C-alpha atoms as a PDB file:
ATOM      1  CA  MET A   1      77.181 -13.106 112.632  1.00  0.00           C
ATOM      2  CA  GLY A   2      79.242 -10.455 110.850  1.00  0.00           C
ATOM      3  CA  GLN A   3      78.786  -6.717 111.297  1.00  0.00           C
ATOM      4  CA  ALA A   4      76.568  -5.122 108.566  1.00  0.00           C
ATOM      5  CA  THR A   5      78.296  -2.747 106.180  1.00  0.00           C
ATOM      6  CA  ARG A   6      77.074   0.855 106.648  1.00  0.00           C
ATOM      7  CA  ARG A   7      76.325   2.914 103.499  1.00  0.00           C
ATOM      8  CA  GLY A   8      78.323   6.136 103.391  1.00  0.00           C
ATOM      9  CA  ALA A   9      76.355   9.402 103.365  1.00  0.00           C
ATOM     10  CA  PHE A  10      77.071  12.645 101.484  1.00  0.00           C
ATOM     11  CA  THR A  11      79.019  15.134 103.430  1.00  0.00           C
ATOM     12  CA  LEU A  12      77.827  18.735 103.387  1.00  0.00           C
ATOM     13  CA  VAL A  13      80.658  19.701 101.065  1.00  0.00           C
ATOM     14  CA  GLU A  14      79.810  16.907  98.619  1.00  0.00           C
ATOM     15  CA  LEU A  15      76.132  17.908  98.653  1.00  0.00           C
ATOM     16  CA  LEU A  16      77.016  21.515  97.903  1.00  0.00           C
ATOM     17  CA  VAL A  17      79.256  20.414  95.039  1.00  0.00           C
ATOM     18  CA  VAL A  18      76.428  18.328  93.527  1.00  0.00           C
ATOM     19  CA  ILE A  19      73.991  21.224  93.833  1.00  0.00           C
ATOM     20  CA  PHE A  20      76.533  23.542  92.208  1.00  0.00           C
ATOM     21  CA  LEU A  21      77.075  21.139  89.296  1.00  0.00           C
ATOM     22  CA  ILE A  22      73.344  20.736  88.739  1.00  0.00           C
ATOM     23  CA  GLY A  23      72.918  24.519  88.766  1.00  0.00           C
ATOM     24  CA  LEU A  24      75.802  24.898  86.315  1.00  0.00           C
ATOM     25  CA  VAL A  25      74.255  22.399  83.902  1.00  0.00           C
ATOM     26  CA  ILE A  26      70.900  24.197  84.073  1.00  0.00           C
ATOM     27  CA  ALA A  27      72.583  27.574  83.565  1.00  0.00           C
ATOM     28  CA  LEU A  28      74.352  26.251  80.481  1.00  0.00           C
ATOM     29  CA  PHE A  29      71.274  24.502  79.107  1.00  0.00           C
ATOM     30  CA  LEU A  30      68.622  27.216  79.447  1.00  0.00           C
ATOM     31  CA  PRO A  31      70.281  29.857  77.205  1.00  0.00           C
ATOM     32  CA  ALA A  32      70.783  27.233  74.510  1.00  0.00           C
ATOM     33  CA  LYS A  33      67.141  26.238  74.839  1.00  0.00           C
ATOM     34  CA  ARG A  34      66.046  29.867  74.551  1.00  0.00           C
ATOM     35  CA  VAL A  35      68.200  30.342  71.465  1.00  0.00           C
ATOM     36  CA  ALA A  36      66.713  27.232  69.884  1.00  0.00           C
ATOM     37  CA  ARG A  37      63.190  28.427  70.595  1.00  0.00           C
ATOM     38  CA  GLU A  38      63.866  31.873  69.162  1.00  0.00           C
ATOM     39  CA  SER A  39      65.450  30.299  66.100  1.00  0.00           C
ATOM     40  CA  ALA A  40      62.271  28.266  65.574  1.00  0.00           C
ATOM     41  CA  ARG A  41      60.078  31.350  66.050  1.00  0.00           C
ATOM     42  CA  ARG A  42      62.191  33.346  63.624  1.00  0.00           C
ATOM     43  CA  ALA A  43      61.869  30.560  61.036  1.00  0.00           C
ATOM     44  CA  SER A  44      58.094  30.467  61.544  1.00  0.00           C
ATOM     45  CA  CYS A  45      57.930  34.247  61.113  1.00  0.00           C
ATOM     46  CA  SER A  46      59.914  33.949  57.898  1.00  0.00           C
ATOM     47  CA  VAL A  47      57.448  31.372  56.566  1.00  0.00           C
ATOM     48  CA  LYS A  48      54.506  33.644  57.380  1.00  0.00           C
ATOM     49  CA  LEU A  49      56.079  36.510  55.450  1.00  0.00           C
ATOM     50  CA  LYS A  50      56.742  34.221  52.521  1.00  0.00           C
ATOM     51  CA  ASN A  51      53.123  33.041  52.506  1.00  0.00           C
ATOM     52  CA  LEU A  52      51.933  36.638  52.583  1.00  0.00           C
ATOM     53  CA  ALA A  53      54.140  37.414  49.577  1.00  0.00           C
ATOM     54  CA  ILE A  54      52.701  34.379  47.783  1.00  0.00           C
ATOM     55  CA  ALA A  55      49.189  35.663  48.542  1.00  0.00           C
ATOM     56  CA  LEU A  56      50.159  38.957  46.899  1.00  0.00           C
ATOM     57  CA  HIS A  57      51.264  37.112  43.773  1.00  0.00           C
ATOM     58  CA  THR A  58      48.039  35.096  43.697  1.00  0.00           C
ATOM     59  CA  TYR A  59      46.090  38.347  43.933  1.00  0.00           C
ATOM     60  CA  HIS A  60      48.202  39.670  41.033  1.00  0.00           C
ATOM     61  CA  ASP A  61      47.367  36.583  38.976  1.00  0.00           C
ATOM     62  CA  ASN A  62      43.663  37.299  39.419  1.00  0.00           C
ATOM     63  CA  PHE A  63      43.654  41.082  38.943  1.00  0.00           C
ATOM     64  CA  GLN A  64      46.807  41.577  36.839  1.00  0.00           C
ATOM     65  CA  LYS A  65      48.140  43.982  39.452  1.00  0.00           C
ATOM     66  CA  PHE A  66      49.059  44.099  43.114  1.00  0.00           C
ATOM     67  CA  PRO A  67      46.710  45.783  45.581  1.00  0.00           C
ATOM     68  CA  PRO A  68      47.526  49.274  46.815  1.00  0.00           C
ATOM     69  CA  SER A  69      48.421  49.343  50.492  1.00  0.00           C
ATOM     70  CA  ALA A  70      45.128  51.159  51.164  1.00  0.00           C
ATOM     71  CA  PHE A  71      41.868  50.925  49.235  1.00  0.00           C
ATOM     72  CA  TYR A  72      38.207  51.835  49.340  1.00  0.00           C
ATOM     73  CA  PRO A  73      35.366  49.379  48.652  1.00  0.00           C
ATOM     74  CA  ASP A  74      35.248  50.287  44.954  1.00  0.00           C
ATOM     75  CA  ARG A  75      38.888  49.098  44.730  1.00  0.00           C
ATOM     76  CA  HIS A  76      40.058  52.697  44.303  1.00  0.00           C
ATOM     77  CA  HIS A  77      43.211  53.867  46.031  1.00  0.00           C
ATOM     78  CA  LEU A  78      43.902  57.288  47.546  1.00  0.00           C
ATOM     79  CA  ASN A  79      45.061  58.810  44.255  1.00  0.00           C
ATOM     80  CA  ASP A  80      41.814  57.768  42.551  1.00  0.00           C
ATOM     81  CA  ARG A  81      39.843  59.545  45.248  1.00  0.00           C
ATOM     82  CA  ASN A  82      42.209  62.550  45.333  1.00  0.00           C
ATOM     83  CA  VAL A  83      42.712  61.943  49.047  1.00  0.00           C
ATOM     84  CA  LEU A  84      45.905  62.811  50.922  1.00  0.00           C
ATOM     85  CA  LEU A  85      47.452  60.220  53.212  1.00  0.00           C
ATOM     86  CA  MET A  86      48.002  62.970  55.772  1.00  0.00           C
ATOM     87  CA  ASP A  87      44.245  63.607  55.861  1.00  0.00           C
ATOM     88  CA  VAL A  88      42.960  60.102  56.482  1.00  0.00           C
ATOM     89  CA  VAL A  89      42.722  59.288  60.188  1.00  0.00           C
ATOM     90  CA  PRO A  90      43.240  55.845  61.761  1.00  0.00           C
ATOM     91  CA  GLY A  91      39.879  54.293  62.601  1.00  0.00           C
ATOM     92  CA  GLN A  92      37.919  57.237  61.177  1.00  0.00           C
ATOM     93  CA  ASN A  93      34.385  56.397  60.066  1.00  0.00           C
ATOM     94  CA  GLY A  94      31.968  58.408  57.956  1.00  0.00           C
ATOM     95  CA  ASN A  95      33.901  61.667  57.778  1.00  0.00           C
ATOM     96  CA  GLY A  96      34.541  62.369  54.105  1.00  0.00           C
ATOM     97  CA  HIS A  97      38.162  62.640  53.078  1.00  0.00           C
ATOM     98  CA  LYS A  98      39.319  61.670  56.590  1.00  0.00           C
ATOM     99  CA  GLN A  99      37.642  58.279  56.333  1.00  0.00           C
ATOM    100  CA  ALA A 100      40.047  55.405  56.910  1.00  0.00           C
ATOM    101  CA  PRO A 101      40.502  53.019  53.964  1.00  0.00           C
ATOM    102  CA  TYR A 102      40.884  49.251  54.140  1.00  0.00           C
ATOM    103  CA  SER A 103      44.331  47.679  54.380  1.00  0.00           C
ATOM    104  CA  PHE A 104      45.812  45.481  51.661  1.00  0.00           C
ATOM    105  CA  HIS A 105      45.590  42.642  54.191  1.00  0.00           C
ATOM    106  CA  VAL A 106      41.816  42.785  53.793  1.00  0.00           C
ATOM    107  CA  ALA A 107      42.123  42.386  50.029  1.00  0.00           C
ATOM    108  CA  LEU A 108      44.345  39.343  50.588  1.00  0.00           C
ATOM    109  CA  LEU A 109      42.010  37.534  52.992  1.00  0.00           C
ATOM    110  CA  PRO A 110      40.736  35.065  50.345  1.00  0.00           C
ATOM    111  CA  TYR A 111      44.338  34.222  49.430  1.00  0.00           C
ATOM    112  CA  PHE A 112      45.514  33.056  52.840  1.00  0.00           C
ATOM    113  CA  GLU A 113      42.513  30.905  53.729  1.00  0.00           C
ATOM    114  CA  GLN A 114      40.406  33.648  55.286  1.00  0.00           C
ATOM    115  CA  GLY A 115      37.778  33.855  52.559  1.00  0.00           C
ATOM    116  CA  HIS A 116      34.996  33.179  55.070  1.00  0.00           C
ATOM    117  CA  LEU A 117      36.004  36.361  56.903  1.00  0.00           C
ATOM    118  CA  TYR A 118      36.156  38.380  53.689  1.00  0.00           C
ATOM    119  CA  GLU A 119      32.601  37.333  52.820  1.00  0.00           C
ATOM    120  CA  GLN A 120      31.320  38.847  56.070  1.00  0.00           C
ATOM    121  CA  ILE A 121      32.653  42.349  55.347  1.00  0.00           C
ATOM    122  CA  ASP A 122      30.058  45.071  54.967  1.00  0.00           C
ATOM    123  CA  PHE A 123      31.253  46.834  51.832  1.00  0.00           C
ATOM    124  CA  ALA A 124      27.819  48.335  51.159  1.00  0.00           C
ATOM    125  CA  HIS A 125      28.369  51.306  53.454  1.00  0.00           C
ATOM    126  CA  HIS A 126      31.739  52.117  51.883  1.00  0.00           C
ATOM    127  CA  GLU A 127      33.290  52.502  55.312  1.00  0.00           C
ATOM    128  CA  ALA A 128      36.072  50.272  56.633  1.00  0.00           C
ATOM    129  CA  PHE A 129      35.068  51.016  60.206  1.00  0.00           C
ATOM    130  CA  ALA A 130      31.320  50.751  59.811  1.00  0.00           C
ATOM    131  CA  PRO A 131      29.794  49.261  63.002  1.00  0.00           C
ATOM    132  CA  ALA A 132      29.178  45.918  61.284  1.00  0.00           C
ATOM    133  CA  ASN A 133      32.884  45.648  60.412  1.00  0.00           C
ATOM    134  CA  TYR A 134      34.356  46.347  63.842  1.00  0.00           C
ATOM    135  CA  PRO A 135      33.971  42.771  65.154  1.00  0.00           C
ATOM    136  CA  LEU A 136      35.783  41.533  62.045  1.00  0.00           C
ATOM    137  CA  ALA A 137      38.571  44.088  62.434  1.00  0.00           C
ATOM    138  CA  ALA A 138      39.044  42.931  66.027  1.00  0.00           C
ATOM    139  CA  LYS A 139      39.707  39.325  65.029  1.00  0.00           C
ATOM    140  CA  MET A 140      43.295  38.209  65.462  1.00  0.00           C
ATOM    141  CA  ILE A 141      44.633  36.534  62.302  1.00  0.00           C
ATOM    142  CA  PRO A 142      47.466  34.164  63.344  1.00  0.00           C
ATOM    143  CA  VAL A 143      49.126  34.224  59.915  1.00  0.00           C
ATOM    144  CA  LEU A 144      49.638  37.981  60.346  1.00  0.00           C
ATOM    145  CA  ASN A 145      51.497  37.739  63.654  1.00  0.00           C
ATOM    146  CA  CYS A 146      55.122  36.940  64.419  1.00  0.00           C
ATOM    147  CA  PRO A 147      55.564  34.170  67.049  1.00  0.00           C
ATOM    148  CA  SER A 148      58.261  36.228  68.795  1.00  0.00           C
ATOM    149  CA  TYR A 149      56.019  39.280  69.268  1.00  0.00           C
ATOM    150  CA  ARG A 150      55.329  39.956  72.975  1.00  0.00           C
ATOM    151  CA  GLY A 151      52.917  42.874  72.817  1.00  0.00           C
ATOM    152  CA  PRO A 152      49.110  43.080  73.014  1.00  0.00           C
ATOM    153  CA  ALA A 153      46.898  41.357  70.462  1.00  0.00           C
ATOM    154  CA  ASN A 154      44.785  44.458  69.819  1.00  0.00           C
ATOM    155  CA  SER A 155      45.675  48.093  69.214  1.00  0.00           C
ATOM    156  CA  THR A 156      45.935  50.366  72.216  1.00  0.00           C
ATOM    157  CA  ALA A 157      45.526  53.582  70.182  1.00  0.00           C
ATOM    158  CA  LYS A 158      42.973  56.164  71.323  1.00  0.00           C
ATOM    159  CA  ASP A 159      41.831  56.668  67.718  1.00  0.00           C
ATOM    160  CA  TYR A 160      39.839  53.450  67.640  1.00  0.00           C
ATOM    161  CA  ALA A 161      36.365  53.612  69.177  1.00  0.00           C
ATOM    162  CA  PRO A 162      34.614  50.252  68.842  1.00  0.00           C
ATOM    163  CA  PRO A 163      30.902  49.849  69.635  1.00  0.00           C
ATOM    164  CA  ALA A 164      30.078  49.369  73.315  1.00  0.00           C
ATOM    165  CA  GLY A 165      31.571  46.157  74.613  1.00  0.00           C
ATOM    166  CA  GLY A 166      33.612  45.579  71.478  1.00  0.00           C
ATOM    167  CA  ALA A 167      37.364  45.203  71.102  1.00  0.00           C
ATOM    168  CA  LYS A 168      39.744  47.504  69.251  1.00  0.00           C
ATOM    169  CA  PRO A 169      41.235  46.294  65.938  1.00  0.00           C
ATOM    170  CA  ALA A 170      43.663  43.394  66.119  1.00  0.00           C
ATOM    171  CA  LEU A 171      47.304  44.003  65.262  1.00  0.00           C
ATOM    172  CA  THR A 172      49.548  42.623  62.564  1.00  0.00           C
ATOM    173  CA  ASN A 173      53.328  42.373  62.681  1.00  0.00           C
ATOM    174  CA  TYR A 174      53.684  42.642  58.906  1.00  0.00           C
ATOM    175  CA  LYS A 175      53.442  45.908  56.997  1.00  0.00           C
ATOM    176  CA  ALA A 176      54.152  47.003  53.453  1.00  0.00           C
ATOM    177  CA  LEU A 177      57.367  48.872  52.650  1.00  0.00           C
ATOM    178  CA  GLY A 178      55.751  51.579  50.559  1.00  0.00           C
ATOM    179  CA  ALA A 179      58.683  53.978  50.145  1.00  0.00           C
ATOM    180  CA  THR A 180      62.047  54.956  51.523  1.00  0.00           C
ATOM    181  CA  THR A 181      60.860  57.949  53.567  1.00  0.00           C
ATOM    182  CA  LEU A 182      57.563  59.217  54.905  1.00  0.00           C
ATOM    183  CA  ALA A 183      57.762  62.216  52.589  1.00  0.00           C
ATOM    184  CA  CYS A 184      57.852  59.892  49.602  1.00  0.00           C
ATOM    185  CA  LEU A 185      55.069  57.731  51.013  1.00  0.00           C
ATOM    186  CA  GLN A 186      52.838  60.780  51.400  1.00  0.00           C
ATOM    187  CA  ASP A 187      53.603  62.296  47.992  1.00  0.00           C
ATOM    188  CA  SER A 188      51.831  60.613  45.077  1.00  0.00           C
ATOM    189  CA  LYS A 189      53.820  62.266  42.283  1.00  0.00           C
ATOM    190  CA  SER A 190      57.289  61.328  43.480  1.00  0.00           C
ATOM    191  CA  VAL A 191      56.275  57.696  43.761  1.00  0.00           C
ATOM    192  CA  THR A 192      53.927  57.125  40.865  1.00  0.00           C
ATOM    193  CA  SER A 193      56.083  58.946  38.315  1.00  0.00           C
ATOM    194  CA  ASP A 194      59.488  57.763  39.524  1.00  0.00           C
ATOM    195  CA  GLN A 195      60.750  54.446  40.872  1.00  0.00           C
ATOM    196  CA  LEU A 196      63.718  55.978  42.670  1.00  0.00           C
ATOM    197  CA  ASN A 197      62.344  55.882  46.197  1.00  0.00           C
ATOM    198  CA  GLY A 198      59.011  54.172  45.664  1.00  0.00           C
ATOM    199  CA  GLY A 199      58.162  50.703  46.954  1.00  0.00           C
ATOM    200  CA  LEU A 200      55.705  48.192  45.538  1.00  0.00           C
ATOM    201  CA  LEU A 201      52.746  48.524  47.936  1.00  0.00           C
ATOM    202  CA  HIS A 202      51.793  52.174  48.120  1.00  0.00           C
ATOM    203  CA  PRO A 203      48.543  53.984  49.080  1.00  0.00           C
ATOM    204  CA  TYR A 204      48.520  55.933  45.807  1.00  0.00           C
ATOM    205  CA  ALA A 205      49.038  53.209  43.226  1.00  0.00           C
ATOM    206  CA  SER A 206      48.373  49.634  42.115  1.00  0.00           C
ATOM    207  CA  TYR A 207      51.538  48.310  40.507  1.00  0.00           C
ATOM    208  CA  ARG A 208      52.110  45.347  38.220  1.00  0.00           C
ATOM    209  CA  LEU A 209      54.830  42.763  38.405  1.00  0.00           C
ATOM    210  CA  LYS A 210      56.569  44.329  35.414  1.00  0.00           C
ATOM    211  CA  ASP A 211      56.885  47.556  37.434  1.00  0.00           C
ATOM    212  CA  MET A 212      59.359  45.678  39.610  1.00  0.00           C
ATOM    213  CA  PRO A 213      62.214  44.704  37.230  1.00  0.00           C
ATOM    214  CA  ALA A 214      64.233  42.930  39.940  1.00  0.00           C
ATOM    215  CA  PRO A 215      61.603  41.322  42.199  1.00  0.00           C
ATOM    216  CA  SER A 216      63.978  39.018  44.061  1.00  0.00           C
ATOM    217  CA  GLN A 217      66.030  42.066  45.113  1.00  0.00           C
ATOM    218  CA  THR A 218      63.121  44.299  46.102  1.00  0.00           C
ATOM    219  CA  ALA A 219      61.873  44.197  49.692  1.00  0.00           C
ATOM    220  CA  ILE A 220      58.100  44.656  49.770  1.00  0.00           C
ATOM    221  CA  LEU A 221      57.101  43.614  53.314  1.00  0.00           C
ATOM    222  CA  ALA A 222      58.743  43.977  56.709  1.00  0.00           C
ATOM    223  CA  GLU A 223      58.027  43.141  60.303  1.00  0.00           C
ATOM    224  CA  THR A 224      56.976  45.678  62.901  1.00  0.00           C
ATOM    225  CA  LYS A 225      56.331  45.499  66.640  1.00  0.00           C
ATOM    226  CA  GLU A 226      54.209  48.635  66.695  1.00  0.00           C
ATOM    227  CA  GLU A 227      51.436  48.287  69.315  1.00  0.00           C
ATOM    228  CA  LYS A 228      49.187  51.233  68.429  1.00  0.00           C
ATOM    229  CA  TYR A 229      49.145  51.841  64.700  1.00  0.00           C
ATOM    230  CA  SER A 230      49.494  48.437  63.142  1.00  0.00           C
ATOM    231  CA  ALA A 231      45.879  47.293  62.855  1.00  0.00           C
ATOM    232  CA  TRP A 232      45.707  44.743  60.050  1.00  0.00           C
ATOM    233  CA  TRP A 233      42.336  46.146  58.970  1.00  0.00           C
ATOM    234  CA  ASP A 234      43.329  49.818  58.674  1.00  0.00           C
ATOM    235  CA  GLY A 235      44.881  51.041  55.428  1.00  0.00           C
ATOM    236  CA  THR A 236      45.851  54.352  57.007  1.00  0.00           C
ATOM    237  CA  THR A 237      49.023  52.847  58.491  1.00  0.00           C
ATOM    238  CA  ALA A 238      49.328  49.635  56.441  1.00  0.00           C
ATOM    239  CA  SER A 239      52.384  50.889  54.579  1.00  0.00           C
ATOM    240  CA  MET A 240      55.500  52.333  56.202  1.00  0.00           C
ATOM    241  CA  PRO A 241      58.745  53.921  55.029  1.00  0.00           C
ATOM    242  CA  GLY A 242      62.032  52.185  55.671  1.00  0.00           C
ATOM    243  CA  PHE A 243      63.794  55.299  56.920  1.00  0.00           C
ATOM    244  CA  HIS A 244      63.048  57.423  59.943  1.00  0.00           C
ATOM    245  CA  PRO A 245      60.735  60.330  58.948  1.00  0.00           C
ATOM    246  CA  GLY A 246      63.433  62.817  59.878  1.00  0.00           C
ATOM    247  CA  SER A 247      65.629  61.446  57.079  1.00  0.00           C
ATOM    248  CA  GLY A 248      64.534  63.744  54.269  1.00  0.00           C
ATOM    249  CA  ASN A 249      61.791  65.580  52.456  1.00  0.00           C
ATOM    250  CA  VAL A 250      59.987  65.193  49.146  1.00  0.00           C
ATOM    251  CA  GLN A 251      62.604  67.147  47.223  1.00  0.00           C
ATOM    252  CA  ASP A 252      65.380  64.946  48.609  1.00  0.00           C
ATOM    253  CA  ASP A 253      63.429  61.871  47.562  1.00  0.00           C
ATOM    254  CA  ARG A 254      63.496  62.977  43.946  1.00  0.00           C
ATOM    255  CA  LEU A 255      67.278  63.204  43.841  1.00  0.00           C
ATOM    256  CA  PRO A 256      69.510  60.242  42.873  1.00  0.00           C
ATOM    257  CA  THR A 257      71.061  60.147  46.333  1.00  0.00           C
ATOM    258  CA  PRO A 258      69.975  58.157  49.375  1.00  0.00           C
ATOM    259  CA  PRO A 259      68.066  59.893  52.167  1.00  0.00           C
ATOM    260  CA  ALA A 260      70.419  61.692  54.540  1.00  0.00           C
ATOM    261  CA  GLY A 261      69.571  59.345  57.391  1.00  0.00           C
ATOM    262  CA  VAL A 262      69.691  55.731  58.463  1.00  0.00           C
ATOM    263  CA  PRO A 263      67.329  52.800  58.078  1.00  0.00           C
ATOM    264  CA  ALA A 264      64.833  52.703  60.926  1.00  0.00           C
ATOM    265  CA  LEU A 265      65.250  48.990  61.635  1.00  0.00           C
ATOM    266  CA  ASN A 266      64.518  48.742  65.352  1.00  0.00           C
ATOM    267  CA  LEU A 267      65.429  52.449  65.459  1.00  0.00           C
ATOM    268  CA  SER A 268      68.947  51.095  65.881  1.00  0.00           C
ATOM    269  CA  ALA A 269      70.715  54.403  65.282  1.00  0.00           C
ATOM    270  CA  GLN A 270      67.962  56.582  66.716  1.00  0.00           C
ATOM    271  CA  GLY A 271      67.815  55.231  70.260  1.00  0.00           C
ATOM    272  CA  ALA A 272      65.133  52.971  71.655  1.00  0.00           C
ATOM    273  CA  GLN A 273      63.112  55.872  73.093  1.00  0.00           C
ATOM    274  CA  THR A 274      62.842  57.757  69.809  1.00  0.00           C
ATOM    275  CA  ASN A 275      59.397  57.355  68.277  1.00  0.00           C
ATOM    276  CA  PHE A 276      59.188  56.393  64.629  1.00  0.00           C
ATOM    277  CA  MET A 277      56.549  59.024  63.784  1.00  0.00           C
ATOM    278  CA  THR A 278      54.934  61.872  65.651  1.00  0.00           C
ATOM    279  CA  THR A 279      51.236  62.684  65.559  1.00  0.00           C
ATOM    280  CA  ALA A 280      52.001  65.691  63.348  1.00  0.00           C
ATOM    281  CA  GLN A 281      53.669  63.435  60.780  1.00  0.00           C
ATOM    282  CA  PHE A 282      50.879  60.936  60.174  1.00  0.00           C
ATOM    283  CA  GLY A 283      47.674  62.260  61.726  1.00  0.00           C
ATOM    284  CA  GLY A 284      47.032  59.931  64.663  1.00  0.00           C
ATOM    285  CA  GLN A 285      46.227  60.982  68.216  1.00  0.00           C
ATOM    286  CA  GLU A 286      49.411  59.403  69.581  1.00  0.00           C
ATOM    287  CA  ASP A 287      52.969  58.933  68.389  1.00  0.00           C
ATOM    288  CA  MET A 288      53.857  55.771  66.490  1.00  0.00           C
ATOM    289  CA  GLN A 289      56.822  54.125  68.179  1.00  0.00           C
ATOM    290  CA  TRP A 290      58.066  51.527  65.707  1.00  0.00           C
ATOM    291  CA  GLY A 291      58.660  51.228  61.980  1.00  0.00           C
ATOM    292  CA  PRO A 292      60.458  48.153  60.590  1.00  0.00           C
ATOM    293  CA  SER A 293      61.236  46.235  63.767  1.00  0.00           C
ATOM    294  CA  SER A 294      61.052  42.856  65.465  1.00  0.00           C
ATOM    295  CA  GLU A 295      61.708  40.871  68.630  1.00  0.00           C
ATOM    296  CA  HIS A 296      64.396  38.881  66.802  1.00  0.00           C
ATOM    297  CA  PRO A 297      67.780  39.984  68.195  1.00  0.00           C
ATOM    298  CA  GLY A 298      69.658  42.277  65.806  1.00  0.00           C
ATOM    299  CA  LEU A 299      67.527  41.819  62.698  1.00  0.00           C
ATOM    300  CA  VAL A 300      64.151  42.255  61.014  1.00  0.00           C
ATOM    301  CA  ASN A 301      62.578  39.719  58.660  1.00  0.00           C
ATOM    302  CA  HIS A 302      61.539  40.957  55.222  1.00  0.00           C
ATOM    303  CA  ALA A 303      59.813  39.451  52.190  1.00  0.00           C
ATOM    304  CA  ASN A 304      60.824  40.364  48.671  1.00  0.00           C
ATOM    305  CA  GLY A 305      58.924  40.548  45.426  1.00  0.00           C
ATOM    306  CA  GLY A 306      60.075  37.117  44.385  1.00  0.00           C
ATOM    307  CA  THR A 307      58.242  35.690  47.449  1.00  0.00           C
ATOM    308  CA  GLU A 308      61.439  34.822  49.340  1.00  0.00           C
ATOM    309  CA  SER A 309      61.761  35.948  52.954  1.00  0.00           C
ATOM    310  CA  ARG A 310      65.101  36.974  54.399  1.00  0.00           C
ATOM    311  CA  SER A 311      66.565  38.627  57.467  1.00  0.00           C
ATOM    312  CA  ILE A 312      68.157  42.081  57.361  1.00  0.00           C
ATOM    313  CA  ASN A 313      70.490  43.283  60.088  1.00  0.00           C
ATOM    314  CA  ASN A 314      69.707  46.486  61.961  1.00  0.00           C
ATOM    315  CA  ASP A 315      72.970  48.064  60.814  1.00  0.00           C
ATOM    316  CA  ILE A 316      72.440  47.555  57.073  1.00  0.00           C
ATOM    317  CA  ASP A 317      74.109  50.170  54.882  1.00  0.00           C
ATOM    318  CA  PRO A 318      71.619  52.998  54.105  1.00  0.00           C
ATOM    319  CA  VAL A 319      72.440  52.931  50.388  1.00  0.00           C
ATOM    320  CA  VAL A 320      71.733  49.218  50.226  1.00  0.00           C
ATOM    321  CA  TYR A 321      68.474  49.447  52.150  1.00  0.00           C
ATOM    322  CA  ARG A 322      67.229  52.341  50.035  1.00  0.00           C
ATOM    323  CA  ALA A 323      68.016  50.289  46.930  1.00  0.00           C
ATOM    324  CA  LEU A 324      66.181  47.270  48.302  1.00  0.00           C
ATOM    325  CA  ILE A 325      62.969  49.248  48.770  1.00  0.00           C
ATOM    326  CA  SER A 326      63.235  50.911  45.358  1.00  0.00           C
ATOM    327  CA  ARG A 327      61.496  49.265  42.401  1.00  0.00           C
ATOM    328  CA  ARG A 328      64.170  50.563  40.002  1.00  0.00           C
ATOM    329  CA  ALA A 329      66.239  47.722  38.562  1.00  0.00           C
ATOM    330  CA  ASP A 330      69.577  49.499  38.336  1.00  0.00           C
ATOM    331  CA  ASP A 331      69.277  50.345  42.032  1.00  0.00           C
ATOM    332  CA  ASN A 332      69.152  46.787  43.240  1.00  0.00           C
ATOM    333  CA  ALA A 333      70.437  44.447  40.566  1.00  0.00           C
ATOM    334  CA  ASP A 334      73.908  44.177  42.087  1.00  0.00           C
ATOM    335  CA  ILE A 335      73.128  43.914  45.789  1.00  0.00           C
ATOM    336  CA  GLY A 336      71.872  40.360  45.992  1.00  0.00           C
ATOM    337  CA  ASP A 337      74.750  39.167  48.196  1.00  0.00           C
ATOM    338  CA  LEU A 338      73.910  41.850  50.750  1.00  0.00           C
ATOM    339  CA  PHE A 339      70.256  40.781  51.079  1.00  0.00           C
ATOM    340  CA  LYS A 340      70.680  37.926  53.564  1.00  0.00           C
END
């Protein structure tokens, strides 16, 4: 009877080599998998922005104008009520001129399949944050959130005081680009009488499509990863400027030159610890950290007036970004190749 053949075993060196190779394959595979996932999330975010822009156009078809970024139950905007944006307070209820208006997102609810929610709103009391409305404001609306966003679902701001046991307002990652700078956003005359630095969705005006001569080259919505002052229900902070508030003043905004600053995309040139707005600049109890911003590496998704959604790099040229926000045709007619 012949001797049985013995199966060779791995030596310690061979085992270590196999483990090393397996680890190397995993190390090479995981980053690629993460990139693929982020690419899918970025694409989904882009689709959500596009759908929101389409909802705006559907609203325009029905009312022959776009909604203002902030409105009161009678459909009046801040200029109709002679109310200053600096005076209204996030979450404020029943306090005259400080009363918070509704956000344009609320007006769009019936146009992105949330009509059932719109029908539950208590408009009778003329207060966005009436007790009956708080549970609605606290509802998270998936179409208003970027899949890459990693923050809380609801605002953490001290300003919001829901009824006992209730949640604070839910956040959105999509805001209106109302103007180039905060000074222009807060000044009704420089925006309503001049297109130079005014965006499409503004708290002081309801614009028509013809007020935007180059819609496909006008950015009207942008992402944000703000965790305090980005409640989808609250019109007080529904619109944001594209430039850091330190970039200019009202007088600068009326001149045919760009703001003397940089776009605030992810605060790229300001430093990650620099807040987008201070309490003194917009009236909240806490600083607002982020303006146009996202969790997508190096860029922020935007939607334009032609309903397309595109990505804009953090380091976009200030002149180009100012022109993109402007409604004025001769500002943005020749920058299409730069809006990628």
